[in-house]
Protein backbone atom coordinates (compact mmCIF):
# COMPACT_ATOMS: atom_id res chain seq x y z
CA MET A 1 20.03 -56.70 41.53
CA THR A 2 17.51 -59.51 41.57
CA ASP A 3 14.05 -59.10 40.05
CA MET A 4 11.46 -57.29 42.15
CA ASP A 5 8.36 -55.14 41.90
CA PRO A 6 9.20 -52.42 39.34
CA ILE A 7 7.68 -49.81 41.65
CA TYR A 8 10.37 -50.60 44.22
CA ALA A 9 13.16 -51.14 41.69
CA HIS A 10 13.78 -47.43 41.18
CA LEU A 11 13.25 -46.35 44.79
CA LEU A 12 16.17 -45.27 46.92
CA LEU A 13 15.60 -44.77 50.65
CA THR A 14 18.18 -43.12 52.86
CA PRO A 15 18.72 -44.77 56.25
CA LEU A 16 16.65 -42.02 57.87
CA GLU A 17 13.83 -42.54 55.39
CA MET A 18 13.92 -46.30 55.97
CA ALA A 19 13.72 -45.70 59.73
CA ALA A 20 10.67 -43.52 59.09
CA VAL A 21 9.12 -46.34 57.04
CA ASP A 22 9.64 -48.74 59.96
CA ARG A 23 8.02 -46.30 62.39
CA SER A 24 5.07 -45.68 60.09
CA ALA A 25 4.59 -49.42 59.64
CA ALA A 26 4.52 -49.89 63.41
CA ARG A 27 2.02 -47.04 63.85
CA SER A 28 -0.21 -48.67 61.25
CA GLY A 29 -0.45 -51.78 63.42
CA ILE A 30 2.10 -54.00 61.67
CA ALA A 31 4.05 -56.06 64.20
CA SER A 32 7.68 -54.96 63.97
CA TYR A 33 8.95 -58.33 65.14
CA GLY A 34 7.02 -59.98 62.32
CA LEU A 35 8.98 -57.82 59.87
CA MET A 36 12.22 -58.88 61.56
CA GLU A 37 11.22 -62.53 61.21
CA LYS A 38 10.60 -62.09 57.49
CA ALA A 39 13.90 -60.28 57.06
CA GLY A 40 15.93 -62.91 58.90
CA GLN A 41 14.21 -65.76 57.07
CA ALA A 42 14.99 -64.03 53.74
CA VAL A 43 18.66 -63.80 54.73
CA ALA A 44 18.76 -67.50 55.62
CA ALA A 45 17.10 -68.44 52.34
CA ALA A 46 19.59 -66.34 50.39
CA ALA A 47 22.50 -67.92 52.27
CA LEU A 48 21.32 -71.45 51.51
CA ARG A 49 20.58 -70.62 47.89
CA ARG A 50 23.78 -68.70 47.25
CA PHE A 51 26.18 -70.91 49.24
CA PRO A 52 24.86 -74.50 49.15
CA GLY A 53 28.34 -75.92 49.77
CA ALA A 54 29.14 -73.92 52.89
CA ALA A 55 30.90 -75.96 55.56
CA ARG A 56 29.66 -73.53 58.21
CA PHE A 57 27.74 -70.28 58.39
CA ALA A 58 29.43 -67.90 60.80
CA VAL A 59 26.75 -65.38 61.76
CA PHE A 60 27.99 -62.06 63.15
CA CYS A 61 25.28 -60.24 65.13
CA GLY A 62 25.49 -56.59 66.12
CA PRO A 63 23.87 -54.71 68.99
CA GLY A 64 20.82 -53.39 67.10
CA ASN A 65 18.04 -54.52 64.78
CA ASN A 66 20.52 -55.62 62.12
CA GLY A 67 21.80 -58.07 64.73
CA GLY A 68 18.21 -59.13 65.37
CA ASP A 69 17.90 -60.09 61.69
CA GLY A 70 21.07 -62.13 62.17
CA TYR A 71 19.68 -64.04 65.18
CA VAL A 72 16.58 -64.95 63.17
CA ALA A 73 18.76 -66.04 60.24
CA ALA A 74 20.96 -68.17 62.51
CA ARG A 75 17.91 -69.98 63.88
CA ALA A 76 16.49 -70.56 60.38
CA LEU A 77 19.81 -71.87 59.08
CA ARG A 78 20.09 -74.29 62.02
CA GLN A 79 16.52 -75.47 61.44
CA ALA A 80 17.39 -76.10 57.79
CA GLY A 81 20.16 -78.44 58.89
CA ALA A 82 23.13 -76.16 58.23
CA ALA A 83 26.13 -75.89 60.53
CA VAL A 84 25.93 -72.52 62.28
CA ALA A 85 28.27 -70.66 64.61
CA LEU A 86 27.00 -67.47 66.24
CA PHE A 87 29.18 -64.52 67.28
CA SER A 88 27.86 -61.44 69.08
CA LEU A 89 29.29 -57.94 69.25
CA GLY A 90 29.03 -56.56 72.77
CA ASP A 91 26.89 -58.02 75.54
CA PRO A 92 23.81 -59.64 73.95
CA ALA A 93 22.03 -59.42 77.32
CA ARG A 94 21.77 -55.70 76.72
CA LEU A 95 19.74 -56.09 73.53
CA ARG A 96 16.35 -54.40 73.55
CA ASP A 97 12.92 -54.81 71.97
CA ASP A 98 12.74 -56.92 68.79
CA ALA A 99 16.46 -57.70 68.75
CA ALA A 100 16.20 -59.09 72.30
CA THR A 101 13.21 -61.19 71.26
CA ALA A 102 15.10 -62.52 68.24
CA ARG A 103 18.02 -63.55 70.40
CA ALA A 104 15.75 -65.21 72.99
CA CYS A 105 14.08 -67.25 70.23
CA CYS A 106 17.32 -68.09 68.44
CA GLY A 107 18.39 -71.20 70.33
CA VAL A 108 21.87 -71.14 68.80
CA PRO A 109 24.55 -70.66 71.46
CA GLY A 110 26.82 -67.72 70.78
CA ILE A 111 30.25 -66.49 71.79
CA ALA A 112 31.99 -63.13 71.67
CA LEU A 113 32.76 -61.72 68.24
CA GLU A 114 36.40 -61.23 69.24
CA ASP A 115 36.75 -65.02 69.61
CA TYR A 116 35.99 -65.76 65.96
CA THR A 117 38.74 -67.66 64.15
CA PRO A 118 38.40 -68.00 60.36
CA LEU A 119 37.97 -71.59 59.18
CA GLN A 120 38.27 -72.93 55.68
CA GLY A 121 34.76 -73.36 54.27
CA ASP A 122 33.18 -70.62 56.41
CA VAL A 123 30.57 -68.31 54.90
CA ILE A 124 30.15 -65.09 56.85
CA VAL A 125 26.66 -63.72 57.47
CA ASP A 126 27.35 -60.08 58.33
CA ALA A 127 24.53 -58.74 60.54
CA LEU A 128 26.62 -56.28 62.53
CA PHE A 129 25.54 -52.77 61.50
CA GLY A 130 23.66 -52.54 58.19
CA ALA A 131 22.87 -49.27 56.44
CA GLY A 132 22.41 -47.09 59.50
CA LEU A 133 26.06 -46.86 60.51
CA ASP A 134 27.27 -43.25 60.66
CA ARG A 135 30.59 -43.54 62.51
CA PRO A 136 33.81 -45.53 62.04
CA VAL A 137 33.54 -49.20 62.97
CA PRO A 138 35.09 -50.16 66.34
CA ALA A 139 38.70 -51.32 66.27
CA ALA A 140 37.68 -54.90 67.06
CA VAL A 141 35.35 -54.96 64.07
CA ALA A 142 38.02 -53.44 61.83
CA ASP A 143 40.40 -56.21 62.92
CA LEU A 144 37.72 -58.81 62.21
CA ILE A 145 37.08 -57.40 58.74
CA GLY A 146 40.81 -57.61 58.07
CA ALA A 147 40.95 -61.24 59.21
CA VAL A 148 37.97 -62.25 57.06
CA THR A 149 39.43 -60.42 54.06
CA ASP A 150 42.84 -62.02 54.53
CA ALA A 151 41.20 -65.46 54.74
CA ASP A 152 39.30 -64.73 51.50
CA LEU A 153 35.99 -65.90 52.97
CA PRO A 154 32.71 -65.10 51.17
CA VAL A 155 30.43 -62.63 52.93
CA LEU A 156 26.66 -62.32 52.74
CA ALA A 157 25.67 -58.90 54.08
CA VAL A 158 22.40 -58.05 55.80
CA ASP A 159 21.11 -54.71 54.46
CA LEU A 160 24.59 -53.37 53.60
CA PRO A 161 28.14 -54.59 54.29
CA SER A 162 29.13 -53.40 57.75
CA GLY A 163 31.39 -50.38 57.55
CA ILE A 164 29.56 -48.77 54.61
CA ASP A 165 27.67 -45.53 55.17
CA GLY A 166 24.20 -46.18 53.79
CA ARG A 167 23.75 -42.50 52.97
CA SER A 168 26.96 -41.88 51.04
CA GLY A 169 28.51 -45.27 50.20
CA ALA A 170 31.70 -44.21 52.02
CA VAL A 171 33.83 -46.66 53.99
CA LEU A 172 33.77 -45.81 57.68
CA GLY A 173 37.21 -47.01 58.71
CA ALA A 174 36.92 -50.53 57.29
CA ALA A 175 34.20 -52.51 55.53
CA PHE A 176 33.39 -56.05 54.44
CA SER A 177 33.41 -56.82 50.74
CA ALA A 178 30.27 -58.89 50.20
CA VAL A 179 29.49 -61.38 47.49
CA HIS A 180 25.76 -60.92 48.08
CA THR A 181 23.69 -58.39 50.00
CA VAL A 182 20.09 -58.77 51.09
CA THR A 183 18.28 -55.51 51.77
CA PHE A 184 14.63 -54.82 52.48
CA MET A 185 11.90 -52.93 50.60
CA ALA A 186 14.28 -50.62 48.68
CA ARG A 187 17.93 -50.05 47.98
CA LYS A 188 19.82 -47.40 49.90
CA PRO A 189 22.17 -44.81 48.34
CA GLY A 190 25.13 -46.78 49.69
CA HIS A 191 24.21 -49.67 47.39
CA LEU A 192 24.75 -47.45 44.32
CA LEU A 193 27.33 -44.86 45.33
CA LEU A 194 30.99 -45.82 45.26
CA PRO A 195 32.76 -47.44 46.99
CA GLY A 196 29.68 -49.03 48.59
CA ARG A 197 28.46 -50.17 45.20
CA ALA A 198 31.65 -52.13 44.60
CA LEU A 199 31.56 -53.71 48.07
CA ALA A 200 27.89 -54.76 48.17
CA GLY A 201 28.18 -57.47 45.51
CA GLU A 202 24.90 -58.67 44.05
CA VAL A 203 22.10 -56.79 45.78
CA GLU A 204 18.84 -58.59 46.45
CA VAL A 205 15.85 -56.49 47.50
CA PHE A 206 13.32 -58.44 49.55
CA ASP A 207 9.76 -57.28 50.22
CA ILE A 208 9.09 -58.00 53.91
CA GLY A 209 5.47 -56.89 53.65
CA ILE A 210 5.38 -53.16 54.40
CA PRO A 211 2.55 -51.68 52.31
CA ARG A 212 3.64 -49.76 49.25
CA ARG A 213 1.76 -46.64 50.36
CA ILE A 214 3.93 -46.42 53.47
CA VAL A 215 7.19 -46.93 51.60
CA THR A 216 6.44 -44.40 48.86
CA ALA A 217 5.07 -41.85 51.34
CA GLU A 218 8.44 -41.68 53.11
CA ALA A 219 10.59 -41.71 49.94
CA GLY A 220 12.31 -38.40 49.21
CA ALA A 221 13.43 -36.73 45.99
CA LEU A 222 16.24 -39.24 45.38
CA ALA A 223 15.75 -42.31 43.20
CA VAL A 224 17.43 -44.65 40.76
CA ASN A 225 17.68 -43.26 37.22
CA ASP A 226 14.84 -45.27 35.74
CA PRO A 227 12.76 -44.40 32.64
CA ALA A 228 9.72 -44.07 34.91
CA HIS A 229 11.07 -40.65 35.91
CA TRP A 230 11.37 -39.18 32.42
CA ARG A 231 9.73 -41.46 29.84
CA HIS A 232 6.67 -39.18 29.71
CA ARG A 233 8.88 -36.30 28.56
CA LEU A 234 10.58 -38.17 25.74
CA PRO A 235 9.96 -36.56 22.34
CA SER A 236 7.70 -38.36 19.91
CA ALA A 237 7.34 -37.60 16.22
CA GLY A 238 3.86 -37.60 14.71
CA ALA A 239 2.89 -38.07 11.09
CA GLU A 240 3.29 -34.35 10.47
CA ALA A 241 6.86 -34.20 11.82
CA HIS A 242 9.66 -32.67 9.79
CA LYS A 243 13.33 -32.17 10.50
CA PHE A 244 12.96 -28.73 12.05
CA SER A 245 10.14 -29.86 14.32
CA ARG A 246 12.53 -32.46 15.74
CA GLY A 247 14.97 -29.79 16.83
CA HIS A 248 18.20 -28.26 15.56
CA LEU A 249 21.33 -28.92 17.62
CA GLY A 250 24.46 -26.81 17.27
CA VAL A 251 27.81 -28.29 18.29
CA PHE A 252 30.97 -26.21 18.51
CA SER A 253 34.25 -27.66 17.27
CA GLY A 254 37.86 -26.96 18.12
CA GLY A 255 40.59 -26.21 15.64
CA PRO A 256 41.81 -28.33 12.71
CA ASN A 257 43.70 -30.77 14.93
CA ALA A 258 40.90 -31.09 17.52
CA THR A 259 37.67 -31.89 15.69
CA GLY A 260 37.15 -35.47 16.86
CA ALA A 261 35.39 -34.76 20.16
CA ALA A 262 32.87 -32.39 18.58
CA ARG A 263 32.22 -34.83 15.75
CA LEU A 264 31.39 -37.52 18.31
CA SER A 265 28.98 -35.15 20.07
CA ALA A 266 27.36 -34.11 16.82
CA THR A 267 26.75 -37.63 15.53
CA ALA A 268 25.50 -38.72 18.96
CA GLY A 269 23.02 -35.83 18.96
CA MET A 270 21.68 -36.97 15.62
CA ARG A 271 21.45 -40.58 16.82
CA ALA A 272 19.51 -39.31 19.85
CA GLY A 273 16.84 -37.95 17.52
CA ALA A 274 17.64 -34.34 16.71
CA GLY A 275 16.22 -33.47 13.29
CA LEU A 276 19.24 -31.41 12.28
CA VAL A 277 22.74 -31.09 13.69
CA THR A 278 25.19 -28.43 12.65
CA LEU A 279 28.87 -28.52 13.55
CA ALA A 280 30.17 -24.98 13.88
CA ALA A 281 33.94 -24.83 13.41
CA PRO A 282 36.72 -22.40 12.58
CA GLN A 283 37.19 -22.04 8.82
CA THR A 284 40.50 -23.88 9.05
CA ALA A 285 38.86 -26.88 10.73
CA LEU A 286 36.05 -27.41 8.23
CA PRO A 287 37.98 -29.66 5.82
CA ALA A 288 38.85 -32.14 8.57
CA SER A 289 35.23 -32.44 9.67
CA ALA A 290 33.90 -32.49 6.11
CA ALA A 291 36.03 -35.55 5.42
CA HIS A 292 34.26 -37.49 8.18
CA LEU A 293 30.68 -36.21 8.32
CA THR A 294 27.76 -36.67 5.95
CA ALA A 295 24.40 -36.05 7.62
CA VAL A 296 25.80 -33.45 10.01
CA MET A 297 25.90 -29.99 8.47
CA LEU A 298 28.90 -27.67 8.73
CA ARG A 299 29.09 -23.95 9.40
CA PRO A 300 32.17 -21.72 9.55
CA LEU A 301 32.31 -19.89 12.87
CA ASP A 302 35.45 -18.09 13.99
CA ASN A 303 34.42 -15.37 16.37
CA LEU A 304 31.69 -13.85 18.48
CA ASP A 305 30.28 -11.86 15.56
CA ASP A 306 29.84 -15.10 13.63
CA LEU A 307 28.03 -16.62 16.60
CA THR A 308 25.74 -13.60 16.96
CA ALA A 309 24.78 -13.90 13.31
CA TRP A 310 24.10 -17.62 13.68
CA LEU A 311 21.91 -17.09 16.72
CA ALA A 312 19.56 -14.99 14.61
CA ASP A 313 18.18 -18.29 13.29
CA PRO A 314 15.22 -19.02 15.62
CA ARG A 315 15.21 -22.68 14.64
CA LEU A 316 18.39 -23.39 16.62
CA SER A 317 17.10 -25.07 19.76
CA ALA A 318 20.12 -26.33 21.75
CA PHE A 319 23.91 -26.34 21.79
CA VAL A 320 26.88 -28.40 22.96
CA LEU A 321 30.05 -26.50 23.83
CA GLY A 322 33.35 -27.69 25.24
CA PRO A 323 34.40 -31.06 23.81
CA GLY A 324 37.78 -30.56 22.14
CA PHE A 325 37.25 -26.80 21.92
CA GLY A 326 40.30 -25.66 23.85
CA ILE A 327 40.32 -23.46 26.94
CA SER A 328 40.23 -19.83 25.83
CA ASP A 329 38.60 -16.43 26.17
CA ARG A 330 36.75 -17.28 22.97
CA LEU A 331 35.11 -20.28 24.66
CA ARG A 332 34.06 -18.17 27.64
CA ASP A 333 32.63 -15.50 25.35
CA PHE A 334 30.65 -18.11 23.42
CA ALA A 335 29.24 -19.66 26.59
CA LEU A 336 28.14 -16.32 28.01
CA ALA A 337 26.54 -15.37 24.69
CA LEU A 338 24.41 -18.52 24.97
CA GLY A 339 23.01 -17.59 28.39
CA ASP A 340 19.40 -17.57 27.15
CA ARG A 341 19.78 -20.83 25.17
CA ARG A 342 19.68 -24.52 26.05
CA LEU A 343 23.30 -25.53 26.48
CA VAL A 344 25.31 -28.60 27.43
CA LEU A 345 28.67 -27.41 28.76
CA ASP A 346 31.30 -30.12 29.06
CA ALA A 347 35.05 -30.71 29.22
CA ASP A 348 36.98 -27.58 28.23
CA GLY A 349 33.78 -25.59 28.64
CA ILE A 350 33.75 -26.35 32.36
CA THR A 351 37.46 -25.86 32.93
CA ALA A 352 37.38 -22.50 31.15
CA PHE A 353 35.38 -21.05 34.06
CA LYS A 354 37.49 -22.44 36.89
CA ASP A 355 38.77 -18.97 37.81
CA ASP A 356 35.36 -17.30 37.69
CA PRO A 357 32.46 -19.75 38.13
CA PRO A 358 30.01 -17.00 39.19
CA ALA A 359 30.24 -15.41 35.74
CA LEU A 360 28.93 -18.61 34.20
CA PHE A 361 26.21 -19.09 36.79
CA ALA A 362 25.01 -15.50 36.47
CA ALA A 363 24.58 -15.88 32.71
CA PHE A 364 22.11 -18.75 33.18
CA LYS A 365 20.31 -17.65 36.34
CA ASP A 366 17.09 -16.51 34.67
CA ASP A 367 14.11 -18.65 33.62
CA SER A 368 13.83 -22.39 34.17
CA PRO A 369 17.09 -24.37 34.25
CA HIS A 370 18.47 -24.64 30.73
CA LEU A 371 22.18 -25.24 31.38
CA VAL A 372 23.45 -28.81 31.78
CA LEU A 373 26.94 -29.23 33.24
CA THR A 374 28.55 -32.65 32.86
CA PRO A 375 31.70 -32.68 35.03
CA HIS A 376 33.77 -35.66 36.06
CA GLU A 377 35.29 -35.47 39.53
CA GLY A 378 38.23 -33.26 38.59
CA GLU A 379 36.10 -30.83 36.59
CA PHE A 380 33.56 -30.69 39.40
CA ALA A 381 36.28 -29.58 41.81
CA ARG A 382 37.32 -26.80 39.43
CA LEU A 383 33.86 -25.21 39.46
CA PHE A 384 32.78 -26.12 42.97
CA ALA A 385 35.99 -26.37 44.98
CA ASP A 386 34.43 -25.86 48.40
CA ILE A 387 31.63 -28.34 47.79
CA ALA A 388 34.04 -30.96 46.44
CA ALA A 389 36.28 -30.59 49.49
CA ASP A 390 33.49 -31.09 52.05
CA LYS A 391 33.99 -34.64 53.34
CA THR A 392 30.64 -34.62 55.15
CA LEU A 393 28.73 -34.53 51.86
CA SER A 394 27.80 -37.53 49.78
CA LYS A 395 28.08 -37.42 46.00
CA VAL A 396 24.33 -36.78 45.89
CA ASP A 397 24.66 -33.92 48.39
CA LYS A 398 27.45 -32.40 46.33
CA ALA A 399 25.54 -32.63 43.07
CA ARG A 400 22.45 -31.07 44.64
CA SER A 401 24.44 -28.22 46.19
CA ALA A 402 26.17 -27.53 42.88
CA ALA A 403 22.88 -27.58 40.96
CA SER A 404 21.35 -25.09 43.39
CA ARG A 405 24.34 -22.75 43.20
CA ALA A 406 24.66 -22.84 39.42
CA HIS A 407 20.91 -22.88 38.67
CA ALA A 408 21.83 -25.73 36.33
CA VAL A 409 21.33 -29.44 35.98
CA ILE A 410 24.44 -31.27 37.11
CA VAL A 411 25.54 -34.62 35.72
CA TYR A 412 28.26 -35.58 38.20
CA LYS A 413 29.85 -38.31 36.11
CA GLY A 414 31.38 -41.62 37.13
CA ALA A 415 30.41 -45.26 37.44
CA ASP A 416 27.81 -43.93 39.89
CA SER A 417 26.73 -40.84 37.93
CA VAL A 418 24.36 -38.51 39.80
CA ILE A 419 21.93 -36.24 37.97
CA ALA A 420 20.71 -33.32 40.09
CA SER A 421 18.28 -30.47 39.53
CA PRO A 422 18.18 -27.09 41.27
CA ASP A 423 14.78 -28.04 42.71
CA GLY A 424 16.34 -30.88 44.74
CA ARG A 425 15.46 -33.85 42.56
CA ALA A 426 18.32 -36.28 42.10
CA LEU A 427 18.81 -39.62 40.36
CA VAL A 428 21.64 -42.12 40.70
CA ASN A 429 22.46 -44.05 37.55
CA ASP A 430 23.07 -47.78 37.77
CA ASN A 431 23.18 -49.08 34.18
CA ALA A 432 26.68 -47.96 33.17
CA PRO A 433 29.03 -50.86 32.35
CA PRO A 434 32.75 -50.44 33.15
CA TYR A 435 33.78 -50.27 29.50
CA LEU A 436 32.29 -46.76 29.31
CA ALA A 437 35.67 -45.71 30.68
CA THR A 438 37.11 -45.03 27.25
CA ALA A 439 38.28 -41.93 25.41
CA GLY A 440 35.43 -39.95 23.86
CA SER A 441 32.69 -41.50 25.98
CA GLY A 442 31.90 -38.18 27.67
CA ASP A 443 31.70 -36.41 24.31
CA VAL A 444 29.08 -38.93 23.23
CA LEU A 445 27.09 -38.32 26.42
CA SER A 446 27.09 -34.57 25.82
CA GLY A 447 25.78 -35.11 22.33
CA ILE A 448 22.97 -37.40 23.47
CA ILE A 449 21.84 -34.89 26.08
CA GLY A 450 22.11 -32.08 23.53
CA GLY A 451 20.02 -34.02 21.04
CA LEU A 452 17.27 -34.55 23.62
CA LEU A 453 17.39 -30.89 24.68
CA ALA A 454 17.06 -29.86 21.05
CA GLN A 455 13.85 -31.88 20.81
CA GLY A 456 12.32 -29.98 23.71
CA MET A 457 12.91 -32.19 26.74
CA PRO A 458 13.32 -30.23 29.99
CA ALA A 459 16.93 -30.06 31.13
CA PHE A 460 16.69 -32.47 34.08
CA GLU A 461 14.77 -35.10 32.15
CA ALA A 462 17.03 -34.72 29.10
CA ALA A 463 20.13 -35.18 31.25
CA ALA A 464 18.72 -38.22 33.06
CA ALA A 465 17.50 -39.83 29.85
CA GLY A 466 20.83 -39.09 28.18
CA VAL A 467 22.80 -40.77 30.97
CA PHE A 468 20.53 -43.82 30.83
CA LEU A 469 20.67 -44.12 27.02
CA HIS A 470 24.45 -43.70 27.21
CA GLY A 471 24.73 -46.70 29.54
CA ASP A 472 22.24 -48.67 27.45
CA ALA A 473 24.28 -48.04 24.30
CA ALA A 474 27.48 -49.13 26.04
CA SER A 475 25.88 -52.40 27.13
CA ARG A 476 24.82 -52.98 23.54
CA ALA A 477 28.26 -52.10 22.13
CA GLY A 478 30.01 -54.47 24.53
CA ALA A 479 33.46 -54.80 26.01
CA GLY A 480 36.30 -53.39 23.95
CA MET A 481 34.10 -50.75 22.34
CA THR A 482 35.41 -47.42 21.10
CA ALA A 483 33.55 -44.12 21.24
CA GLU A 484 32.62 -44.62 17.59
CA ASP A 485 31.08 -47.99 18.46
CA LEU A 486 29.19 -46.31 21.27
CA VAL A 487 27.65 -43.76 18.93
CA ALA A 488 26.57 -46.49 16.54
CA ALA A 489 24.86 -48.36 19.38
CA ILE A 490 22.64 -45.45 20.50
CA ARG A 491 18.96 -46.37 20.23
CA PRO A 492 15.81 -44.50 21.22
CA LEU A 493 14.09 -45.94 24.27
């Protein structure tokens, strides 16, 4: 994403919210056609800047306001001396309001979209549908997308590549793959959620002049995972701080041949700032962990009685359960015994409840949310099968529904991780590099979140901060990193 006002950088507006912004701007007296002019001029400027060697700009204009932006861009490109060919979807004589005005002022002759033939050196300016599309693209447009893709022509998208659902990022039949996308005032969920994120290319957000008060007034409870949303809840250590005041994190380990995941979580929790971290493991697993850990303390813990005795220590402030633990009745018993504690449940801890999710949810239903679930797609489906199967829901919708049902904070993991709270707040993460897809990465994330929980951060803020710091550490560790490298790269914000 190109640089922009930091206030707008973490905003996400759904297509409906953006439409409400446009209506509010018009009611305030701002000329809507003036906004269209600014949008189209921004598209033309981006096209000239991004593709200075284009032999021809082929501008595809749709039947709505996205098409209006395209007509303005075509005129501006022609005025700048570029070769322009204009192609319209449907009968342009049926355009209304601002789009009709834009076409009347364009001055570039156009022909039917179906008559477009790809030429070597073409750059496509896609102004067909934008972010508001909510149905599959027409067959003629799907054929056109196929032809452009087969010809390997670069595409500059207006608002969002046509064929992408701006609400969910889903492909509606077929979609352009853009090199560059110009959107206005704020990104839409489809710019961050897959597969839209992968198809939008570099996203440029252009301020067309709608006052900030109007934009922020219409924004909902969804945003980009930016420190602005949780920085104020980050723990800070004063001069009087000691190790117990910085929180005590407990991490549960698997057996002697499965200690690695828990060790990653434990060391990540310490790197995230927890004052003490204890790895609780079966007696037979302690030697393996002792050979690898120094600052992390060890505690033998074999059964529920051992756990009950440990929980008598009031200084224990948060726990991580699941990584490398093994799916068992013992795991389920441990999780349920922690129902009044701050807990990150991951990996085996999630799968262990696939046959009885309500038992888990009931154990954590009281008080403010203090359970954080960190499922990847497969684990999500094990706990929330009906929600996962609902094709009408976006990833954000699914995470929110799951958070409400479980009375827990959900980190729905992936390249487009979504963090959702039972109260409806949701953040989409955008700083995760692709090399996070490595064994042990999720164990590190659980440990970071656990370390922040142990220091007293509320569950939603701890989860969001943990996901962000996880991505930040991966960017610092670089391509080819291992989970151990990732732990070493964790830094406080």
